[in-house]
Each structure stands twice: as C-alpha cells, then as structure tokens.
Amino acid sequence: MKSFGLNLVLSVALFGVAFPLYAAVPATYTNENFFTSEQDAPVTFTQAADGSFSGMTEGGKTFYQRPVVSDIHVHLHRFSIDEAHFYISSLGLILADSDTVALSIYLARAGYIEVV
C-alpha cells in the first residue's frame, strides 16, 4: 500500500467513518481520548517529498503523518495530533509508545518475527 493509500486509511479512520463519535472535539487530543472523541475535520493536506503528510483541521489543530518504514514489504507511518499518536500500517492500526515497538508489532503481525 502506498503512502496515499495509508493517508486514505487515515482519513477514513480519523474523521468519523471507522470510529463512533462519543464526545466533542477535545481541547487537546491525547492517547487516552483520541478514539473516544469527535474528530475535527481536516481542511488541508500537504505531502512532502519524503512521503510525509501534514495538515490542519477545522479547529486549527495541526496533524502529521510520517513514514517510519516504507519499502516494498513494510508500510508503517506514525500519525500525531496534539499529544496523541499511533501508527498506521498496511496491517492495521498499531498503538505503541515508540517507532521500535510499533515496528516490532508490525513484523509480528506480518509473520516476520515470532512473539514469545
């Protein structure tokens, strides 16, 4: 899946289609409230040469999506807005504290490493 496809997955996941809307848009998104809060709609998207994206929401929040790993076999991007962050991959969303942990989870899902 190319980064455009990941961005499409992100758009669907973030802005009301994949997640139910429970509460108003928070003053600050955190990992604790992101998936249970209303999602502020994006108004701009900009793609950089390195495959990363940035944008602004209707409420003035800046968000970023940057590749952690993007090659022929691994597609892993980190999405962040305010204090919240998670990982978007060709194998689904990954909640992790760091890029290394997210990559390990991705590789386990893909069957490249065995989890003991």
Protein backbone atom coordinates (compact mmCIF):
# COMPACT_ATOMS: atom_id res chain seq x y z
CA MET A 1 0.00 0.00 0.00
CA LYS A 2 1.49 3.35 -0.99
CA SER A 3 1.51 6.34 1.36
CA PHE A 4 -1.52 7.77 -0.47
CA GLY A 5 -3.39 4.61 0.48
CA LEU A 6 -2.24 4.98 4.07
CA ASN A 7 -3.46 8.57 4.01
CA LEU A 8 -6.82 7.35 2.74
CA VAL A 9 -6.96 4.81 5.56
CA LEU A 10 -6.07 7.58 7.98
CA SER A 11 -8.79 9.86 6.63
CA VAL A 12 -11.41 7.16 6.98
CA ALA A 13 -10.20 6.13 10.43
CA LEU A 14 -9.87 9.61 11.84
CA PHE A 15 -12.77 11.52 10.57
CA GLY A 16 -15.87 9.67 11.54
CA VAL A 17 -16.30 6.67 9.30
CA ALA A 18 -14.44 3.93 11.17
CA PHE A 19 -14.83 5.16 14.75
CA PRO A 20 -18.05 6.15 16.50
CA LEU A 21 -18.32 9.70 17.76
CA TYR A 22 -18.72 9.85 21.55
CA ALA A 23 -17.69 13.29 22.83
CA ALA A 24 -16.97 16.75 21.48
CA VAL A 25 -13.61 17.61 19.96
CA PRO A 26 -11.29 17.90 22.98
CA ALA A 27 -9.14 20.95 23.64
CA THR A 28 -6.12 18.62 23.35
CA TYR A 29 -6.11 15.14 21.82
CA THR A 30 -4.28 12.55 23.92
CA ASN A 31 -3.80 8.82 23.52
CA GLU A 32 -6.49 8.38 26.18
CA ASN A 33 -9.21 10.45 24.46
CA PHE A 34 -8.44 10.30 20.75
CA PHE A 35 -10.56 7.26 19.82
CA THR A 36 -13.48 8.24 22.04
CA SER A 37 -13.73 11.88 20.98
CA GLU A 38 -15.28 13.52 17.97
CA GLN A 39 -12.71 14.01 15.22
CA ASP A 40 -12.03 17.52 13.99
CA ALA A 41 -12.41 17.51 10.17
CA PRO A 42 -9.28 18.16 8.08
CA VAL A 43 -9.25 21.21 5.84
CA THR A 44 -5.75 20.93 4.35
CA PHE A 45 -3.33 18.13 3.41
CA THR A 46 0.21 18.71 2.21
CA GLN A 47 2.55 15.95 1.06
CA ALA A 48 6.32 16.37 1.37
CA ALA A 49 8.93 14.78 -0.87
CA ASP A 50 9.79 12.20 1.82
CA GLY A 51 6.23 10.81 1.78
CA SER A 52 5.12 12.53 4.96
CA PHE A 53 1.89 14.50 5.24
CA SER A 54 0.81 17.42 7.34
CA GLY A 55 -2.42 19.29 7.58
CA MET A 56 -4.75 21.48 9.56
CA THR A 57 -8.19 20.71 10.94
CA GLU A 58 -11.22 22.99 11.03
CA GLY A 59 -10.43 23.76 14.67
CA GLY A 60 -6.84 24.78 13.88
CA LYS A 61 -5.12 21.59 15.03
CA THR A 62 -2.01 20.58 13.09
CA PHE A 63 -1.54 16.88 12.36
CA TYR A 64 1.37 14.93 10.89
CA GLN A 65 1.79 11.55 9.28
CA ARG A 66 5.36 10.48 8.61
CA PRO A 67 6.83 7.26 7.33
CA VAL A 68 8.63 5.15 9.92
CA VAL A 69 9.38 2.45 7.37
CA SER A 70 8.12 2.37 3.83
CA ASP A 71 9.61 -0.17 1.49
CA ILE A 72 8.31 -2.93 -0.74
CA HIS A 73 7.44 -5.16 2.26
CA VAL A 74 6.78 -2.80 5.20
CA HIS A 75 4.43 0.20 5.24
CA LEU A 76 4.38 1.87 8.63
CA HIS A 77 3.54 5.53 9.31
CA ARG A 78 3.29 7.46 12.59
CA PHE A 79 0.29 9.78 12.91
CA SER A 80 0.30 12.54 15.52
CA ILE A 81 -2.03 15.34 16.53
CA ASP A 82 -1.63 17.34 19.73
CA GLU A 83 -0.35 14.85 22.33
CA ALA A 84 -1.88 11.79 20.62
CA HIS A 85 -0.01 9.43 18.32
CA PHE A 86 -0.47 5.99 16.81
CA TYR A 87 0.76 4.02 13.84
CA ILE A 88 -0.96 3.29 10.55
CA SER A 89 0.18 0.29 8.58
CA SER A 90 -0.84 -1.97 5.76
CA LEU A 91 -1.72 -4.44 8.57
CA GLY A 92 -3.99 -2.07 10.52
CA LEU A 93 -3.65 0.45 13.33
CA ILE A 94 -0.92 -0.08 15.90
CA LEU A 95 -0.91 1.52 19.33
CA ALA A 96 2.67 1.72 20.61
CA ASP A 97 4.89 4.05 22.63
CA SER A 98 7.75 4.17 20.12
CA ASP A 99 8.67 3.54 16.50
CA THR A 100 10.70 0.48 17.52
CA VAL A 101 7.79 -1.11 19.38
CA ALA A 102 5.42 -0.31 16.51
CA LEU A 103 7.80 -1.90 14.00
CA SER A 104 8.11 -4.99 16.20
CA ILE A 105 4.32 -5.32 16.36
CA TYR A 106 4.09 -4.88 12.59
CA LEU A 107 6.75 -7.54 11.95
CA ALA A 108 4.99 -9.95 14.34
CA ARG A 109 1.67 -9.40 12.57
CA ALA A 110 3.34 -9.99 9.23
CA GLY A 111 4.89 -13.22 10.49
CA TYR A 112 8.48 -12.00 10.12
CA ILE A 113 9.23 -12.48 13.82
CA GLU A 114 7.85 -14.85 16.43
CA VAL A 115 6.42 -13.43 19.62
CA VAL A 116 7.37 -15.42 22.70
